[in-house]
């Protein structure tokens, strides 16, 4: 087994719409040769109108699975993980850009996501 940072497999920027009081769910695949954890924080692209006081409520679940790991223009089937990240939208301050970080002992890989108010016309 070799040492490498985790790889997030899939789309880079995903936008989801939700209303306050709802839970937004992101699913993605991860390859990591070692134990990893997931964290979530606001992106610098989001102006935090509440001065950063409100905490972001989130939870995640990780299940082992087989993933198609992109490698030198090919896809290699290997052991990986199906990750489900649940973000609770409590107030209007919770809309905006977030960075999902997947970190193991070697490094961190990030992916940006966006939550918009349901019913609003938003373009990525």
PDB file of N, CA and C in Angstrom:
ATOM      1  N   UNK A   1       0.851  -1.185   0.000  1.00  0.00           N
ATOM      2  CA  UNK A   1       0.000   0.000   0.000  1.00  0.00           C
ATOM      3  C   UNK A   1       0.890   1.240   0.000  1.00  0.00           C
ATOM      4  N   UNK A   2       0.504   2.239  -0.758  1.00  0.00           N
ATOM      5  CA  UNK A   2       1.309   3.449  -0.856  1.00  0.00           C
ATOM      6  C   UNK A   2       0.655   4.596  -0.097  1.00  0.00           C
ATOM      7  N   UNK A   3       1.447   5.609   0.211  1.00  0.00           N
ATOM      8  CA  UNK A   3       0.933   6.771   0.926  1.00  0.00           C
ATOM      9  C   UNK A   3       0.497   7.836  -0.073  1.00  0.00           C
ATOM     10  N   UNK A   4      -0.703   8.337   0.096  1.00  0.00           N
ATOM     11  CA  UNK A   4      -1.228   9.373  -0.797  1.00  0.00           C
ATOM     12  C   UNK A   4      -2.353  10.117  -0.096  1.00  0.00           C
ATOM     13  N   UNK A   5      -2.569  11.377  -0.478  1.00  0.00           N
ATOM     14  CA  UNK A   5      -3.735  12.088   0.061  1.00  0.00           C
ATOM     15  C   UNK A   5      -5.009  11.480  -0.519  1.00  0.00           C
ATOM     16  N   UNK A   6      -6.149  11.729   0.100  1.00  0.00           N
ATOM     17  CA  UNK A   6      -7.405  11.188  -0.427  1.00  0.00           C
ATOM     18  C   UNK A   6      -7.759  11.803  -1.779  1.00  0.00           C
ATOM     19  N   UNK A   7      -8.565  11.071  -2.539  1.00  0.00           N
ATOM     20  CA  UNK A   7      -9.066  11.544  -3.825  1.00  0.00           C
ATOM     21  C   UNK A   7     -10.584  11.595  -3.738  1.00  0.00           C
ATOM     22  N   UNK A   8     -11.158  12.779  -4.014  1.00  0.00           N
ATOM     23  CA  UNK A   8     -12.616  12.908  -4.092  1.00  0.00           C
ATOM     24  C   UNK A   8     -12.985  12.657  -5.546  1.00  0.00           C
ATOM     25  N   UNK A   9     -13.837  11.676  -5.775  1.00  0.00           N
ATOM     26  CA  UNK A   9     -14.188  11.277  -7.132  1.00  0.00           C
ATOM     27  C   UNK A   9     -15.560  11.859  -7.475  1.00  0.00           C
ATOM     28  N   UNK A  10     -15.639  12.628  -8.557  1.00  0.00           N
ATOM     29  CA  UNK A  10     -16.927  13.168  -8.973  1.00  0.00           C
ATOM     30  C   UNK A  10     -16.865  14.638  -9.292  1.00  0.00           C
ATOM     31  N   UNK A  11     -18.040  15.288  -9.292  1.00  0.00           N
ATOM     32  CA  UNK A  11     -18.172  16.699  -9.664  1.00  0.00           C
ATOM     33  C   UNK A  11     -17.413  17.600  -8.708  1.00  0.00           C
ATOM     34  N   UNK A  12     -16.896  18.718  -9.245  1.00  0.00           N
ATOM     35  CA  UNK A  12     -16.132  19.630  -8.398  1.00  0.00           C
ATOM     36  C   UNK A  12     -17.027  20.639  -7.671  1.00  0.00           C
ATOM     37  N   UNK A  13     -17.955  21.284  -8.351  1.00  0.00           N
ATOM     38  CA  UNK A  13     -18.835  22.246  -7.681  1.00  0.00           C
ATOM     39  C   UNK A  13     -20.280  21.820  -7.889  1.00  0.00           C
ATOM     40  N   UNK A  14     -20.948  21.518  -6.810  1.00  0.00           N
ATOM     41  CA  UNK A  14     -22.341  21.091  -6.871  1.00  0.00           C
ATOM     42  C   UNK A  14     -23.186  22.131  -6.134  1.00  0.00           C
ATOM     43  N   UNK A  15     -24.308  22.537  -6.747  1.00  0.00           N
ATOM     44  CA  UNK A  15     -25.224  23.486  -6.121  1.00  0.00           C
ATOM     45  C   UNK A  15     -26.509  22.757  -5.770  1.00  0.00           C
ATOM     46  N   UNK A  16     -26.994  22.982  -4.544  1.00  0.00           N
ATOM     47  CA  UNK A  16     -28.273  22.405  -4.100  1.00  0.00           C
ATOM     48  C   UNK A  16     -29.147  23.528  -3.560  1.00  0.00           C
ATOM     49  N   UNK A  17     -30.454  23.365  -3.730  1.00  0.00           N
ATOM     50  CA  UNK A  17     -31.413  24.340  -3.224  1.00  0.00           C
ATOM     51  C   UNK A  17     -32.151  23.750  -2.035  1.00  0.00           C
ATOM     52  N   UNK A  18     -32.408  24.598  -1.046  1.00  0.00           N
ATOM     53  CA  UNK A  18     -33.122  24.152   0.156  1.00  0.00           C
ATOM     54  C   UNK A  18     -33.801  25.333   0.818  1.00  0.00           C
ATOM     55  N   UNK A  19     -34.727  25.039   1.696  1.00  0.00           N
ATOM     56  CA  UNK A  19     -35.355  26.056   2.525  1.00  0.00           C
ATOM     57  C   UNK A  19     -34.805  25.963   3.932  1.00  0.00           C
ATOM     58  N   UNK A  20     -35.031  27.002   4.734  1.00  0.00           N
ATOM     59  CA  UNK A  20     -34.561  26.942   6.118  1.00  0.00           C
ATOM     60  C   UNK A  20     -35.303  25.828   6.848  1.00  0.00           C
ATOM     61  N   UNK A  21     -34.604  25.195   7.765  1.00  0.00           N
ATOM     62  CA  UNK A  21     -35.170  24.075   8.496  1.00  0.00           C
ATOM     63  C   UNK A  21     -35.025  22.745   7.776  1.00  0.00           C
ATOM     64  N   UNK A  22     -34.395  22.747   6.619  1.00  0.00           N
ATOM     65  CA  UNK A  22     -34.220  21.528   5.824  1.00  0.00           C
ATOM     66  C   UNK A  22     -32.787  21.022   5.919  1.00  0.00           C
ATOM     67  N   UNK A  23     -32.596  19.791   5.482  1.00  0.00           N
ATOM     68  CA  UNK A  23     -31.274  19.178   5.449  1.00  0.00           C
ATOM     69  C   UNK A  23     -30.868  18.981   3.996  1.00  0.00           C
ATOM     70  N   UNK A  24     -29.663  19.423   3.654  1.00  0.00           N
ATOM     71  CA  UNK A  24     -29.110  19.260   2.314  1.00  0.00           C
ATOM     72  C   UNK A  24     -28.143  18.082   2.364  1.00  0.00           C
ATOM     73  N   UNK A  25     -28.265  17.185   1.406  1.00  0.00           N
ATOM     74  CA  UNK A  25     -27.428  15.985   1.401  1.00  0.00           C
ATOM     75  C   UNK A  25     -26.542  15.965   0.162  1.00  0.00           C
ATOM     76  N   UNK A  26     -25.245  15.828   0.386  1.00  0.00           N
ATOM     77  CA  UNK A  26     -24.263  15.657  -0.684  1.00  0.00           C
ATOM     78  C   UNK A  26     -23.704  14.250  -0.577  1.00  0.00           C
ATOM     79  N   UNK A  27     -23.591  13.563  -1.697  1.00  0.00           N
ATOM     80  CA  UNK A  27     -22.960  12.242  -1.703  1.00  0.00           C
ATOM     81  C   UNK A  27     -21.776  12.286  -2.658  1.00  0.00           C
ATOM     82  N   UNK A  28     -20.713  11.608  -2.275  1.00  0.00           N
ATOM     83  CA  UNK A  28     -19.517  11.570  -3.112  1.00  0.00           C
ATOM     84  C   UNK A  28     -18.697  10.342  -2.752  1.00  0.00           C
ATOM     85  N   UNK A  29     -17.818   9.963  -3.664  1.00  0.00           N
ATOM     86  CA  UNK A  29     -16.940   8.817  -3.470  1.00  0.00           C
ATOM     87  C   UNK A  29     -15.546   9.313  -3.111  1.00  0.00           C
ATOM     88  N   UNK A  30     -14.860   8.540  -2.267  1.00  0.00           N
ATOM     89  CA  UNK A  30     -13.505   8.887  -1.846  1.00  0.00           C
ATOM     90  C   UNK A  30     -12.619   7.659  -1.939  1.00  0.00           C
ATOM     91  N   UNK A  31     -11.412   7.869  -2.456  1.00  0.00           N
ATOM     92  CA  UNK A  31     -10.378   6.845  -2.349  1.00  0.00           C
ATOM     93  C   UNK A  31      -9.328   7.378  -1.381  1.00  0.00           C
ATOM     94  N   UNK A  32      -8.961   6.577  -0.407  1.00  0.00           N
ATOM     95  CA  UNK A  32      -7.896   6.936   0.527  1.00  0.00           C
ATOM     96  C   UNK A  32      -7.228   5.655   0.990  1.00  0.00           C
ATOM     97  N   UNK A  33      -5.878   5.591   0.882  1.00  0.00           N
ATOM     98  CA  UNK A  33      -5.183   4.392   1.327  1.00  0.00           C
ATOM     99  C   UNK A  33      -5.077   4.281   2.849  1.00  0.00           C
ATOM    100  N   UNK A  34      -5.511   5.324   3.558  1.00  0.00           N
ATOM    101  CA  UNK A  34      -5.472   5.282   5.024  1.00  0.00           C
ATOM    102  C   UNK A  34      -6.733   5.919   5.597  1.00  0.00           C
ATOM    103  N   UNK A  35      -6.873   5.838   6.896  1.00  0.00           N
ATOM    104  CA  UNK A  35      -8.032   6.395   7.597  1.00  0.00           C
ATOM    105  C   UNK A  35      -8.131   7.895   7.290  1.00  0.00           C
ATOM    106  N   UNK A  36      -9.363   8.384   7.121  1.00  0.00           N
ATOM    107  CA  UNK A  36      -9.564   9.811   6.829  1.00  0.00           C
ATOM    108  C   UNK A  36     -10.748  10.344   7.613  1.00  0.00           C
ATOM    109  N   UNK A  37     -10.844  11.671   7.677  1.00  0.00           N
ATOM    110  CA  UNK A  37     -12.027  12.308   8.253  1.00  0.00           C
ATOM    111  C   UNK A  37     -12.511  13.398   7.308  1.00  0.00           C
ATOM    112  N   UNK A  38     -13.730  13.848   7.544  1.00  0.00           N
ATOM    113  CA  UNK A  38     -14.365  14.863   6.702  1.00  0.00           C
ATOM    114  C   UNK A  38     -14.683  16.067   7.571  1.00  0.00           C
ATOM    115  N   UNK A  39     -14.401  17.249   7.036  1.00  0.00           N
ATOM    116  CA  UNK A  39     -14.767  18.483   7.746  1.00  0.00           C
ATOM    117  C   UNK A  39     -15.426  19.425   6.758  1.00  0.00           C
ATOM    118  N   UNK A  40     -16.162  20.383   7.296  1.00  0.00           N
ATOM    119  CA  UNK A  40     -16.893  21.345   6.475  1.00  0.00           C
ATOM    120  C   UNK A  40     -16.661  22.727   7.044  1.00  0.00           C
ATOM    121  N   UNK A  41     -16.371  23.695   6.176  1.00  0.00           N
ATOM    122  CA  UNK A  41     -16.260  25.075   6.630  1.00  0.00           C
ATOM    123  C   UNK A  41     -16.713  26.012   5.510  1.00  0.00           C
ATOM    124  N   UNK A  42     -17.022  27.239   5.888  1.00  0.00           N
ATOM    125  CA  UNK A  42     -17.470  28.224   4.907  1.00  0.00           C
ATOM    126  C   UNK A  42     -16.329  28.571   3.958  1.00  0.00           C
ATOM    127  N   UNK A  43     -16.681  28.762   2.711  1.00  0.00           N
ATOM    128  CA  UNK A  43     -15.707  29.175   1.704  1.00  0.00           C
ATOM    129  C   UNK A  43     -15.429  30.666   1.848  1.00  0.00           C
ATOM    130  N   UNK A  44     -14.279  31.097   1.379  1.00  0.00           N
ATOM    131  CA  UNK A  44     -13.977  32.528   1.363  1.00  0.00           C
ATOM    132  C   UNK A  44     -14.885  33.265   0.393  1.00  0.00           C
ATOM    133  N   UNK A  45     -15.564  32.527  -0.511  1.00  0.00           N
ATOM    134  CA  UNK A  45     -16.474  33.149  -1.471  1.00  0.00           C
ATOM    135  C   UNK A  45     -17.783  33.575  -0.819  1.00  0.00           C
ATOM    136  N   UNK A  46     -18.026  33.120   0.415  1.00  0.00           N
ATOM    137  CA  UNK A  46     -19.267  33.445   1.121  1.00  0.00           C
ATOM    138  C   UNK A  46     -19.015  34.576   2.101  1.00  0.00           C
ATOM    139  N   UNK A  47     -19.788  35.642   1.967  1.00  0.00           N
ATOM    140  CA  UNK A  47     -19.729  36.717   2.938  1.00  0.00           C
ATOM    141  C   UNK A  47     -20.555  36.285   4.134  1.00  0.00           C
ATOM    142  N   UNK A  48     -19.942  36.235   5.268  1.00  0.00           N
ATOM    143  CA  UNK A  48     -20.638  35.774   6.472  1.00  0.00           C
ATOM    144  C   UNK A  48     -21.276  36.971   7.165  1.00  0.00           C
ATOM    145  N   UNK A  49     -22.561  37.173   6.939  1.00  0.00           N
ATOM    146  CA  UNK A  49     -23.269  38.334   7.476  1.00  0.00           C
ATOM    147  C   UNK A  49     -23.468  38.265   8.985  1.00  0.00           C
ATOM    148  N   UNK A  50     -23.340  37.074   9.561  1.00  0.00           N
ATOM    149  CA  UNK A  50     -23.532  36.953  11.004  1.00  0.00           C
ATOM    150  C   UNK A  50     -22.191  37.016  11.738  1.00  0.00           C
ATOM    151  N   UNK A  51     -21.149  37.526  11.063  1.00  0.00           N
ATOM    152  CA  UNK A  51     -19.804  37.663  11.620  1.00  0.00           C
ATOM    153  C   UNK A  51     -19.214  36.345  12.075  1.00  0.00           C
ATOM    154  N   UNK A  52     -19.659  35.256  11.481  1.00  0.00           N
ATOM    155  CA  UNK A  52     -19.076  33.953  11.774  1.00  0.00           C
ATOM    156  C   UNK A  52     -19.474  33.358  13.105  1.00  0.00           C
ATOM    157  N   UNK A  53     -20.532  33.892  13.727  1.00  0.00           N
ATOM    158  CA  UNK A  53     -20.907  33.397  15.047  1.00  0.00           C
ATOM    159  C   UNK A  53     -21.657  32.066  14.971  1.00  0.00           C
ATOM    160  N   UNK A  54     -22.470  31.893  13.961  1.00  0.00           N
ATOM    161  CA  UNK A  54     -23.276  30.676  13.906  1.00  0.00           C
ATOM    162  C   UNK A  54     -22.428  29.490  13.461  1.00  0.00           C
ATOM    163  N   UNK A  55     -22.626  28.373  14.118  1.00  0.00           N
ATOM    164  CA  UNK A  55     -21.909  27.147  13.764  1.00  0.00           C
ATOM    165  C   UNK A  55     -22.697  26.421  12.677  1.00  0.00           C
ATOM    166  N   UNK A  56     -21.984  25.773  11.813  1.00  0.00           N
ATOM    167  CA  UNK A  56     -22.611  25.008  10.748  1.00  0.00           C
ATOM    168  C   UNK A  56     -22.907  23.623  11.310  1.00  0.00           C
ATOM    169  N   UNK A  57     -24.147  23.188  11.226  1.00  0.00           N
ATOM    170  CA  UNK A  57     -24.520  21.857  11.705  1.00  0.00           C
ATOM    171  C   UNK A  57     -24.385  20.871  10.565  1.00  0.00           C
ATOM    172  N   UNK A  58     -23.535  19.857  10.755  1.00  0.00           N
ATOM    173  CA  UNK A  58     -23.406  18.837   9.731  1.00  0.00           C
ATOM    174  C   UNK A  58     -23.022  17.505  10.363  1.00  0.00           C
ATOM    175  N   UNK A  59     -23.260  16.460   9.597  1.00  0.00           N
ATOM    176  CA  UNK A  59     -22.926  15.106  10.014  1.00  0.00           C
ATOM    177  C   UNK A  59     -22.561  14.332   8.754  1.00  0.00           C
ATOM    178  N   UNK A  60     -21.797  13.258   8.911  1.00  0.00           N
ATOM    179  CA  UNK A  60     -21.462  12.463   7.739  1.00  0.00           C
ATOM    180  C   UNK A  60     -21.439  10.984   8.067  1.00  0.00           C
ATOM    181  N   UNK A  61     -21.593  10.202   7.015  1.00  0.00           N
ATOM    182  CA  UNK A  61     -21.587   8.748   7.115  1.00  0.00           C
ATOM    183  C   UNK A  61     -20.653   8.215   6.026  1.00  0.00           C
ATOM    184  N   UNK A  62     -19.856   7.203   6.352  1.00  0.00           N
ATOM    185  CA  UNK A  62     -18.901   6.635   5.410  1.00  0.00           C
ATOM    186  C   UNK A  62     -19.136   5.129   5.329  1.00  0.00           C
ATOM    187  N   UNK A  63     -19.320   4.617   4.106  1.00  0.00           N
ATOM    188  CA  UNK A  63     -19.503   3.182   3.895  1.00  0.00           C
ATOM    189  C   UNK A  63     -18.478   2.679   2.879  1.00  0.00           C
ATOM    190  N   UNK A  64     -17.832   1.536   3.159  1.00  0.00           N
ATOM    191  CA  UNK A  64     -16.890   0.984   2.181  1.00  0.00           C
ATOM    192  C   UNK A  64     -17.612   0.534   0.920  1.00  0.00           C
ATOM    193  N   UNK A  65     -16.957   0.714  -0.233  1.00  0.00           N
ATOM    194  CA  UNK A  65     -17.532   0.329  -1.520  1.00  0.00           C
ATOM    195  C   UNK A  65     -16.401   0.189  -2.532  1.00  0.00           C
ATOM    196  N   UNK A  66     -16.736  -0.142  -3.757  1.00  0.00           N
ATOM    197  CA  UNK A  66     -15.771  -0.169  -4.855  1.00  0.00           C
ATOM    198  C   UNK A  66     -15.946   1.132  -5.629  1.00  0.00           C
ATOM    199  N   UNK A  67     -14.831   1.820  -5.926  1.00  0.00           N
ATOM    200  CA  UNK A  67     -14.883   3.070  -6.678  1.00  0.00           C
ATOM    201  C   UNK A  67     -14.080   2.934  -7.959  1.00  0.00           C
ATOM    202  N   UNK A  68     -14.393   3.785  -8.934  1.00  0.00           N
ATOM    203  CA  UNK A  68     -13.620   3.877 -10.173  1.00  0.00           C
ATOM    204  C   UNK A  68     -12.643   5.031 -10.009  1.00  0.00           C
ATOM    205  N   UNK A  69     -11.401   4.704  -9.705  1.00  0.00           N
ATOM    206  CA  UNK A  69     -10.366   5.699  -9.448  1.00  0.00           C
ATOM    207  C   UNK A  69      -9.731   6.133 -10.772  1.00  0.00           C
ATOM    208  N   UNK A  70      -9.817   7.433 -11.120  1.00  0.00           N
ATOM    209  CA  UNK A  70      -9.172   7.897 -12.354  1.00  0.00           C
ATOM    210  C   UNK A  70      -7.653   7.855 -12.186  1.00  0.00           C
ATOM    211  N   UNK A  71      -6.975   7.201 -13.116  1.00  0.00           N
ATOM    212  CA  UNK A  71      -5.530   7.047 -13.014  1.00  0.00           C
ATOM    213  C   UNK A  71      -4.918   7.053 -14.410  1.00  0.00           C
ATOM    214  N   UNK A  72      -4.196   8.128 -14.744  1.00  0.00           N
ATOM    215  CA  UNK A  72      -3.530   8.263 -16.037  1.00  0.00           C
ATOM    216  C   UNK A  72      -4.486   8.051 -17.215  1.00  0.00           C
ATOM    217  N   UNK A  73      -5.649   8.693 -17.155  1.00  0.00           N
ATOM    218  CA  UNK A  73      -6.610   8.622 -18.241  1.00  0.00           C
ATOM    219  C   UNK A  73      -7.451   7.359 -18.267  1.00  0.00           C
ATOM    220  N   UNK A  74      -7.232   6.472 -17.333  1.00  0.00           N
ATOM    221  CA  UNK A  74      -7.996   5.232 -17.216  1.00  0.00           C
ATOM    222  C   UNK A  74      -8.766   5.242 -15.904  1.00  0.00           C
ATOM    223  N   UNK A  75      -9.700   4.323 -15.760  1.00  0.00           N
ATOM    224  CA  UNK A  75     -10.399   4.139 -14.483  1.00  0.00           C
ATOM    225  C   UNK A  75     -10.054   2.764 -13.942  1.00  0.00           C
ATOM    226  N   UNK A  76      -9.600   2.734 -12.691  1.00  0.00           N
ATOM    227  CA  UNK A  76      -9.215   1.496 -12.040  1.00  0.00           C
ATOM    228  C   UNK A  76     -10.199   1.226 -10.897  1.00  0.00           C
ATOM    229  N   UNK A  77     -10.807   0.043 -10.912  1.00  0.00           N
ATOM    230  CA  UNK A  77     -11.707  -0.332  -9.816  1.00  0.00           C
ATOM    231  C   UNK A  77     -10.863  -0.693  -8.600  1.00  0.00           C
ATOM    232  N   UNK A  78     -11.192  -0.081  -7.466  1.00  0.00           N
ATOM    233  CA  UNK A  78     -10.448  -0.325  -6.236  1.00  0.00           C
ATOM    234  C   UNK A  78     -11.347  -0.064  -5.034  1.00  0.00           C
ATOM    235  N   UNK A  79     -10.888  -0.439  -3.884  1.00  0.00           N
ATOM    236  CA  UNK A  79     -11.650  -0.196  -2.654  1.00  0.00           C
ATOM    237  C   UNK A  79     -11.687   1.286  -2.338  1.00  0.00           C
ATOM    238  N   UNK A  80     -12.841   1.766  -1.965  1.00  0.00           N
ATOM    239  CA  UNK A  80     -13.004   3.174  -1.624  1.00  0.00           C
ATOM    240  C   UNK A  80     -14.179   3.332  -0.668  1.00  0.00           C
ATOM    241  N   UNK A  81     -14.738   4.521  -0.657  1.00  0.00           N
ATOM    242  CA  UNK A  81     -15.798   4.819   0.305  1.00  0.00           C
ATOM    243  C   UNK A  81     -16.884   5.678  -0.324  1.00  0.00           C
ATOM    244  N   UNK A  82     -18.128   5.374   0.030  1.00  0.00           N
ATOM    245  CA  UNK A  82     -19.280   6.185  -0.346  1.00  0.00           C
ATOM    246  C   UNK A  82     -19.568   7.081   0.854  1.00  0.00           C
ATOM    247  N   UNK A  83     -19.488   8.389   0.646  1.00  0.00           N
ATOM    248  CA  UNK A  83     -19.663   9.345   1.742  1.00  0.00           C
ATOM    249  C   UNK A  83     -20.960  10.128   1.560  1.00  0.00           C
ATOM    250  N   UNK A  84     -21.680  10.289   2.643  1.00  0.00           N
ATOM    251  CA  UNK A  84     -22.903  11.087   2.653  1.00  0.00           C
ATOM    252  C   UNK A  84     -22.722  12.187   3.689  1.00  0.00           C
ATOM    253  N   UNK A  85     -22.819  13.434   3.244  1.00  0.00           N
ATOM    254  CA  UNK A  85     -22.671  14.596   4.112  1.00  0.00           C
ATOM    255  C   UNK A  85     -24.023  15.280   4.223  1.00  0.00           C
ATOM    256  N   UNK A  86     -24.520  15.455   5.440  1.00  0.00           N
ATOM    257  CA  UNK A  86     -25.819  16.098   5.690  1.00  0.00           C
ATOM    258  C   UNK A  86     -25.575  17.448   6.362  1.00  0.00           C
ATOM    259  N   UNK A  87     -26.044  18.519   5.732  1.00  0.00           N
ATOM    260  CA  UNK A  87     -25.884  19.874   6.263  1.00  0.00           C
ATOM    261  C   UNK A  87     -27.265  20.416   6.615  1.00  0.00           C
ATOM    262  N   UNK A  88     -27.434  20.891   7.846  1.00  0.00           N
ATOM    263  CA  UNK A  88     -28.705  21.458   8.282  1.00  0.00           C
ATOM    264  C   UNK A  88     -28.717  22.955   7.999  1.00  0.00           C
ATOM    265  N   UNK A  89     -29.740  23.406   7.279  1.00  0.00           N
ATOM    266  CA  UNK A  89     -29.909  24.829   6.972  1.00  0.00           C
ATOM    267  C   UNK A  89     -30.852  25.398   8.035  1.00  0.00           C
ATOM    268  N   UNK A  90     -30.275  26.033   9.046  1.00  0.00           N
ATOM    269  CA  UNK A  90     -31.080  26.570  10.151  1.00  0.00           C
ATOM    270  C   UNK A  90     -31.615  27.971   9.885  1.00  0.00           C
ATOM    271  N   UNK A  91     -30.792  28.816   9.279  1.00  0.00           N
ATOM    272  CA  UNK A  91     -31.190  30.210   9.035  1.00  0.00           C
ATOM    273  C   UNK A  91     -30.752  30.625   7.633  1.00  0.00           C
ATOM    274  N   UNK A  92     -31.130  31.827   7.229  1.00  0.00           N
ATOM    275  CA  UNK A  92     -30.704  32.356   5.931  1.00  0.00           C
ATOM    276  C   UNK A  92     -29.191  32.544   5.860  1.00  0.00           C
ATOM    277  N   UNK A  93     -28.532  32.658   7.013  1.00  0.00           N
ATOM    278  CA  UNK A  93     -27.068  32.793   7.036  1.00  0.00           C
ATOM    279  C   UNK A  93     -26.372  31.516   6.583  1.00  0.00           C
ATOM    280  N   UNK A  94     -27.090  30.398   6.557  1.00  0.00           N
ATOM    281  CA  UNK A  94     -26.482  29.123   6.179  1.00  0.00           C
ATOM    282  C   UNK A  94     -26.390  28.911   4.667  1.00  0.00           C
ATOM    283  N   UNK A  95     -26.967  29.810   3.867  1.00  0.00           N
ATOM    284  CA  UNK A  95     -26.841  29.705   2.419  1.00  0.00           C
ATOM    285  C   UNK A  95     -25.469  30.224   1.996  1.00  0.00           C
ATOM    286  N   UNK A  96     -24.928  29.657   0.948  1.00  0.00           N
ATOM    287  CA  UNK A  96     -23.640  30.135   0.442  1.00  0.00           C
ATOM    288  C   UNK A  96     -22.726  28.989   0.042  1.00  0.00           C
ATOM    289  N   UNK A  97     -21.449  29.294  -0.083  1.00  0.00           N
ATOM    290  CA  UNK A  97     -20.437  28.320  -0.502  1.00  0.00           C
ATOM    291  C   UNK A  97     -19.785  27.666   0.712  1.00  0.00           C
ATOM    292  N   UNK A  98     -19.501  26.385   0.574  1.00  0.00           N
ATOM    293  CA  UNK A  98     -18.812  25.627   1.621  1.00  0.00           C
ATOM    294  C   UNK A  98     -17.690  24.800   0.998  1.00  0.00           C
ATOM    295  N   UNK A  99     -16.696  24.510   1.796  1.00  0.00           N
ATOM    296  CA  UNK A  99     -15.605  23.645   1.372  1.00  0.00           C
ATOM    297  C   UNK A  99     -15.691  22.355   2.175  1.00  0.00           C
ATOM    298  N   UNK A 100     -15.753  21.230   1.452  1.00  0.00           N
ATOM    299  CA  UNK A 100     -15.693  19.920   2.086  1.00  0.00           C
ATOM    300  C   UNK A 100     -14.232  19.493   2.038  1.00  0.00           C
ATOM    301  N   UNK A 101     -13.661  19.205   3.185  1.00  0.00           N
ATOM    302  CA  UNK A 101     -12.275  18.755   3.256  1.00  0.00           C
ATOM    303  C   UNK A 101     -12.213  17.299   3.660  1.00  0.00           C
ATOM    304  N   UNK A 102     -11.464  16.506   2.907  1.00  0.00           N
ATOM    305  CA  UNK A 102     -11.249  15.095   3.236  1.00  0.00           C
ATOM    306  C   UNK A 102      -9.758  14.963   3.537  1.00  0.00           C
ATOM    307  N   UNK A 103      -9.417  14.606   4.788  1.00  0.00           N
ATOM    308  CA  UNK A 103      -8.024  14.603   5.232  1.00  0.00           C
ATOM    309  C   UNK A 103      -7.613  13.244   5.771  1.00  0.00           C
ATOM    310  N   UNK A 104      -6.425  12.818   5.345  1.00  0.00           N
ATOM    311  CA  UNK A 104      -5.799  11.648   5.965  1.00  0.00           C
ATOM    312  C   UNK A 104      -4.422  12.073   6.484  1.00  0.00           C
ATOM    313  N   UNK A 105      -3.581  11.125   6.877  1.00  0.00           N
ATOM    314  CA  UNK A 105      -2.289  11.480   7.479  1.00  0.00           C
ATOM    315  C   UNK A 105      -1.325  12.115   6.480  1.00  0.00           C
ATOM    316  N   UNK A 106      -1.560  11.958   5.194  1.00  0.00           N
ATOM    317  CA  UNK A 106      -0.665  12.495   4.164  1.00  0.00           C
ATOM    318  C   UNK A 106      -1.068  13.901   3.732  1.00  0.00           C
ATOM    319  N   UNK A 107      -2.364  14.166   3.625  1.00  0.00           N
ATOM    320  CA  UNK A 107      -2.794  15.476   3.157  1.00  0.00           C
ATOM    321  C   UNK A 107      -4.306  15.609   3.110  1.00  0.00           C
ATOM    322  N   UNK A 108      -4.744  16.695   2.497  1.00  0.00           N
ATOM    323  CA  UNK A 108      -6.182  16.993   2.406  1.00  0.00           C
ATOM    324  C   UNK A 108      -6.544  17.329   0.971  1.00  0.00           C
ATOM    325  N   UNK A 109      -7.724  16.874   0.561  1.00  0.00           N
ATOM    326  CA  UNK A 109      -8.299  17.215  -0.727  1.00  0.00           C
ATOM    327  C   UNK A 109      -9.626  17.907  -0.444  1.00  0.00           C
ATOM    328  N   UNK A 110      -9.928  18.957  -1.199  1.00  0.00           N
ATOM    329  CA  UNK A 110     -11.153  19.712  -0.944  1.00  0.00           C
ATOM    330  C   UNK A 110     -12.053  19.742  -2.169  1.00  0.00           C
ATOM    331  N   UNK A 111     -13.307  20.041  -1.913  1.00  0.00           N
ATOM    332  CA  UNK A 111     -14.323  20.174  -2.948  1.00  0.00           C
ATOM    333  C   UNK A 111     -15.270  21.268  -2.485  1.00  0.00           C
ATOM    334  N   UNK A 112     -15.666  22.152  -3.381  1.00  0.00           N
ATOM    335  CA  UNK A 112     -16.553  23.235  -2.997  1.00  0.00           C
ATOM    336  C   UNK A 112     -17.992  22.917  -3.394  1.00  0.00           C
ATOM    337  N   UNK A 113     -18.923  23.268  -2.513  1.00  0.00           N
ATOM    338  CA  UNK A 113     -20.354  23.087  -2.768  1.00  0.00           C
ATOM    339  C   UNK A 113     -21.066  24.399  -2.449  1.00  0.00           C
ATOM    340  N   UNK A 114     -22.280  24.529  -2.965  1.00  0.00           N
ATOM    341  CA  UNK A 114     -23.055  25.754  -2.756  1.00  0.00           C
ATOM    342  C   UNK A 114     -24.477  25.386  -2.377  1.00  0.00           C
ATOM    343  N   UNK A 115     -25.016  26.106  -1.391  1.00  0.00           N
ATOM    344  CA  UNK A 115     -26.418  25.938  -0.995  1.00  0.00           C
ATOM    345  C   UNK A 115     -27.129  27.263  -1.261  1.00  0.00           C
ATOM    346  N   UNK A 116     -28.205  27.202  -2.048  1.00  0.00           N
ATOM    347  CA  UNK A 116     -28.992  28.392  -2.364  1.00  0.00           C
ATOM    348  C   UNK A 116     -30.399  28.227  -1.817  1.00  0.00           C
ATOM    349  N   UNK A 117     -31.097  29.359  -1.653  1.00  0.00           N
ATOM    350  CA  UNK A 117     -32.467  29.332  -1.163  1.00  0.00           C
ATOM    351  C   UNK A 117     -33.369  28.733  -2.237  1.00  0.00           C
ATOM    352  N   UNK A 118     -34.203  27.799  -1.847  1.00  0.00           N
ATOM    353  CA  UNK A 118     -35.111  27.140  -2.796  1.00  0.00           C
ATOM    354  C   UNK A 118     -36.071  28.171  -3.369  1.00  0.00           C
ATOM    355  N   UNK A 119     -36.270  28.103  -4.684  1.00  0.00           N
ATOM    356  CA  UNK A 119     -37.192  29.025  -5.338  1.00  0.00           C
ATOM    357  C   UNK A 119     -36.522  30.293  -5.846  1.00  0.00           C
ATOM    358  N   UNK A 120     -35.243  30.498  -5.489  1.00  0.00           N
ATOM    359  CA  UNK A 120     -34.511  31.664  -5.976  1.00  0.00           C
ATOM    360  C   UNK A 120     -33.810  31.285  -7.278  1.00  0.00           C
ATOM    361  N   UNK A 121     -33.751  32.209  -8.195  1.00  0.00           N
ATOM    362  CA  UNK A 121     -33.057  31.953  -9.464  1.00  0.00           C
ATOM    363  C   UNK A 121     -31.574  32.208  -9.243  1.00  0.00           C
ATOM    364  N   UNK A 122     -30.800  31.146  -9.190  1.00  0.00           N
ATOM    365  CA  UNK A 122     -29.356  31.257  -8.946  1.00  0.00           C
ATOM    366  C   UNK A 122     -28.609  30.543 -10.054  1.00  0.00           C
ATOM    367  N   UNK A 123     -27.551  31.124 -10.484  1.00  0.00           N
ATOM    368  CA  UNK A 123     -26.703  30.496 -11.486  1.00  0.00           C
ATOM    369  C   UNK A 123     -25.326  30.254 -10.879  1.00  0.00           C
ATOM    370  N   UNK A 124     -24.710  29.159 -11.270  1.00  0.00           N
ATOM    371  CA  UNK A 124     -23.379  28.823 -10.760  1.00  0.00           C
ATOM    372  C   UNK A 124     -22.347  29.575 -11.562  1.00  0.00           C
TER     373      UNK A 124
END
